[in-house]
Amino acid sequence: MRRTLPAAIAILLLAAGCGSGSPGPSAGPTSSPSGSVPSTPVATSAPAPTGSTAAAPGVVDYGDDEVTVSKPSDAGQLTGAPDDFAAFIRAELARQQASKDDVCTEKAEIHVARVDPRGWASGGLFIPQCGGNAALWAKVGGAWKEVWAGQTLPDCSILKKYRFPVAIAQGTCVQGGKEIPYTA
């Protein structure tokens, strides 16, 4: 069974924090040796959500490798994402990297997994050697903002409040302390 994006990102981010202390150079997108992961973003059709959220014209899915933004120029790899989202990610990266922490001395990275050009995205924040969290971003009042971040599943009320398409939110959410399937 396919795990939800936020849970998968949280697991990957936490596990990556236990890895080597020397990050490799960022030479751009990579593909897996098996060739099963696309090296370019794949546009997918979102399931038709109910309510006032229309069907997605094309969600950009960056695959298992996601797009890692560790310096401002990396936001250029967000192929298919709106320009204002890339600008938001650059600004958020600068904000995260400007914060000082005596324990976590490495610079923060932002990982972007999926973007719906209509105003939703998923990914996470990661600090090498320290860990990270999954995140959901939405365009609210004409501006992008982080609407949820954590290491557990998001609360269903958050997904519904911001009308996240299933293609971005993925799988399940928490309602009343229980994990339930998410439907838009």
Protein backbone atom coordinates (compact mmCIF):
# COMPACT_ATOMS: atom_id res chain seq x y z
CA MET A 1 0.00 0.00 0.00
CA ARG A 2 1.29 3.45 -0.91
CA ARG A 3 2.23 5.53 2.13
CA THR A 4 1.08 9.09 2.41
CA LEU A 5 3.43 11.78 1.23
CA PRO A 6 3.80 13.58 4.55
CA ALA A 7 4.59 10.36 6.40
CA ALA A 8 7.02 9.24 3.71
CA ILE A 9 8.80 12.59 3.66
CA ALA A 10 9.05 12.64 7.44
CA ILE A 11 10.54 9.14 7.47
CA LEU A 12 13.01 9.99 4.71
CA LEU A 13 14.02 13.25 6.32
CA LEU A 14 14.52 11.67 9.71
CA ALA A 15 16.46 8.73 8.26
CA ALA A 16 18.64 11.02 6.17
CA GLY A 17 19.64 12.88 9.33
CA CYS A 18 21.36 9.70 10.47
CA GLY A 19 23.51 9.47 7.34
CA SER A 20 26.94 10.69 6.44
CA GLY A 21 28.04 14.06 7.74
CA SER A 22 29.47 15.13 4.39
CA PRO A 23 26.82 16.03 1.84
CA GLY A 24 27.84 15.53 -1.76
CA PRO A 25 27.90 18.30 -4.32
CA SER A 26 24.59 19.24 -5.83
CA ALA A 27 25.03 18.45 -9.49
CA GLY A 28 21.35 18.59 -10.38
CA PRO A 29 18.71 15.91 -10.73
CA THR A 30 19.73 12.30 -10.57
CA SER A 31 17.96 9.11 -11.46
CA SER A 32 18.00 5.75 -9.79
CA PRO A 33 20.28 3.02 -11.19
CA SER A 34 17.24 0.94 -12.13
CA GLY A 35 15.93 3.74 -14.33
CA SER A 36 12.47 3.35 -12.82
CA VAL A 37 12.34 6.92 -11.49
CA PRO A 38 11.78 9.59 -14.12
CA SER A 39 14.55 12.19 -14.27
CA THR A 40 12.14 14.95 -15.27
CA PRO A 41 8.91 15.99 -13.58
CA VAL A 42 5.83 14.10 -14.67
CA ALA A 43 2.51 15.90 -14.99
CA THR A 44 -0.29 13.78 -13.57
CA SER A 45 -3.99 14.35 -13.53
CA ALA A 46 -5.41 14.80 -10.07
CA PRO A 47 -8.50 12.82 -9.16
CA ALA A 48 -11.55 15.05 -9.48
CA PRO A 49 -12.01 16.54 -6.02
CA THR A 50 -15.47 17.18 -4.66
CA GLY A 51 -16.73 20.56 -3.54
CA SER A 52 -15.53 23.79 -5.06
CA THR A 53 -12.06 22.56 -6.01
CA ALA A 54 -11.95 21.76 -9.74
CA ALA A 55 -9.96 18.89 -11.26
CA ALA A 56 -6.24 19.60 -11.51
CA PRO A 57 -5.09 20.55 -15.01
CA GLY A 58 -1.70 19.00 -14.26
CA VAL A 59 0.06 18.35 -10.99
CA VAL A 60 3.84 18.39 -11.34
CA ASP A 61 5.26 15.35 -9.54
CA TYR A 62 9.04 15.48 -9.08
CA GLY A 63 9.24 11.75 -8.38
CA ASP A 64 10.96 9.95 -5.53
CA ASP A 65 14.04 12.17 -5.82
CA GLU A 66 11.97 15.36 -5.41
CA VAL A 67 13.66 18.71 -6.03
CA THR A 68 16.16 19.67 -3.34
CA VAL A 69 16.60 23.41 -2.94
CA SER A 70 19.75 24.03 -0.90
CA LYS A 71 20.74 27.31 -2.56
CA PRO A 72 18.55 29.96 -4.25
CA SER A 73 19.53 28.94 -7.79
CA ASP A 74 18.21 25.40 -7.13
CA ALA A 75 14.67 26.81 -7.31
CA GLY A 76 15.26 26.93 -11.07
CA GLN A 77 14.85 23.13 -11.03
CA LEU A 78 11.17 23.52 -10.12
CA THR A 79 10.14 22.91 -13.72
CA GLY A 80 6.41 23.47 -14.20
CA ALA A 81 5.95 25.30 -10.89
CA PRO A 82 4.56 28.84 -10.95
CA ASP A 83 7.19 31.59 -10.74
CA ASP A 84 5.66 32.94 -7.54
CA PHE A 85 6.03 29.51 -5.90
CA ALA A 86 9.72 29.33 -6.86
CA ALA A 87 10.17 32.85 -5.43
CA PHE A 88 8.40 31.77 -2.22
CA ILE A 89 10.70 28.75 -1.89
CA ARG A 90 13.78 30.95 -2.40
CA ALA A 91 12.56 33.38 0.28
CA GLU A 92 11.67 30.56 2.68
CA LEU A 93 15.10 28.97 2.12
CA ALA A 94 16.81 32.30 2.90
CA ARG A 95 14.71 32.66 6.06
CA GLN A 96 15.51 29.13 7.22
CA GLN A 97 19.21 29.42 6.43
CA ALA A 98 19.48 32.76 8.26
CA SER A 99 18.30 31.24 11.54
CA LYS A 100 21.15 30.28 13.87
CA ASP A 101 21.29 27.05 15.85
CA ASP A 102 24.27 25.96 17.93
CA VAL A 103 23.36 22.28 17.52
CA CYS A 104 22.26 22.13 13.88
CA THR A 105 25.11 23.90 12.13
CA GLU A 106 24.34 22.64 8.61
CA LYS A 107 22.23 24.78 6.27
CA ALA A 108 18.56 23.98 5.78
CA GLU A 109 17.26 22.48 2.53
CA ILE A 110 13.73 22.55 1.18
CA HIS A 111 12.46 19.51 -0.68
CA VAL A 112 9.56 19.88 -3.11
CA ALA A 113 7.65 16.73 -4.05
CA ARG A 114 4.55 17.94 -5.90
CA VAL A 115 3.13 21.25 -7.10
CA ASP A 116 -0.35 22.03 -8.35
CA PRO A 117 -0.03 25.29 -10.33
CA ARG A 118 -3.47 26.34 -9.06
CA GLY A 119 -2.00 26.94 -5.59
CA TRP A 120 -0.91 23.87 -3.60
CA ALA A 121 2.38 22.07 -3.03
CA SER A 122 3.94 19.42 -0.79
CA GLY A 123 7.45 18.70 0.35
CA GLY A 124 9.46 19.35 3.47
CA LEU A 125 12.29 21.02 5.30
CA PHE A 126 15.51 19.14 6.07
CA ILE A 127 18.64 20.08 7.98
CA PRO A 128 21.51 17.61 7.40
CA GLN A 129 22.56 15.82 10.60
CA CYS A 130 19.45 17.10 12.41
CA GLY A 131 16.37 15.89 10.55
CA GLY A 132 13.33 17.70 9.31
CA ASN A 133 9.61 17.67 8.71
CA ALA A 134 7.03 17.35 5.99
CA ALA A 135 5.28 20.51 4.82
CA LEU A 136 2.23 21.60 2.88
CA TRP A 137 2.11 24.97 1.17
CA ALA A 138 -0.91 26.79 -0.24
CA LYS A 139 -1.59 30.05 -1.98
CA VAL A 140 -3.69 32.05 0.48
CA GLY A 141 -4.94 35.55 -0.29
CA GLY A 142 -2.73 35.66 -3.39
CA ALA A 143 0.49 34.67 -1.57
CA TRP A 144 2.15 31.31 -0.91
CA LYS A 145 2.54 30.23 2.72
CA GLU A 146 3.26 27.13 4.76
CA VAL A 147 -0.08 25.92 6.11
CA TRP A 148 1.12 22.73 7.83
CA ALA A 149 4.42 21.21 8.92
CA GLY A 150 5.07 18.16 11.05
CA GLN A 151 6.36 14.65 11.46
CA THR A 152 2.95 13.02 11.61
CA LEU A 153 0.00 12.99 9.25
CA PRO A 154 -1.74 16.33 8.74
CA ASP A 155 -5.08 16.95 10.37
CA CYS A 156 -7.93 16.49 7.89
CA SER A 157 -9.37 19.88 8.88
CA ILE A 158 -6.23 21.62 7.55
CA LEU A 159 -6.46 19.80 4.22
CA LYS A 160 -10.14 20.66 3.90
CA LYS A 161 -9.70 24.28 5.07
CA TYR A 162 -7.22 24.93 2.27
CA ARG A 163 -9.02 22.57 -0.17
CA PHE A 164 -5.93 20.49 -0.93
CA PRO A 165 -6.36 18.27 -3.96
CA VAL A 166 -5.85 14.56 -3.23
CA ALA A 167 -2.96 14.54 -5.73
CA ILE A 168 -1.02 16.89 -3.44
CA ALA A 169 -2.21 15.78 0.02
CA GLN A 170 -2.00 12.06 -0.80
CA GLY A 171 -3.59 9.15 1.00
CA THR A 172 -4.64 9.73 4.58
CA CYS A 173 -5.02 12.34 7.28
CA VAL A 174 -5.91 12.44 10.99
CA GLN A 175 -9.42 13.16 12.22
CA GLY A 176 -10.38 12.76 15.86
CA GLY A 177 -7.08 11.02 16.57
CA LYS A 178 -7.68 8.38 13.88
CA GLU A 179 -6.09 7.94 10.48
CA ILE A 180 -8.71 8.09 7.74
CA PRO A 181 -8.61 8.24 3.92
CA TYR A 182 -8.44 11.82 2.67
CA THR A 183 -11.01 12.90 0.11
CA ALA A 184 -11.09 16.46 -1.13
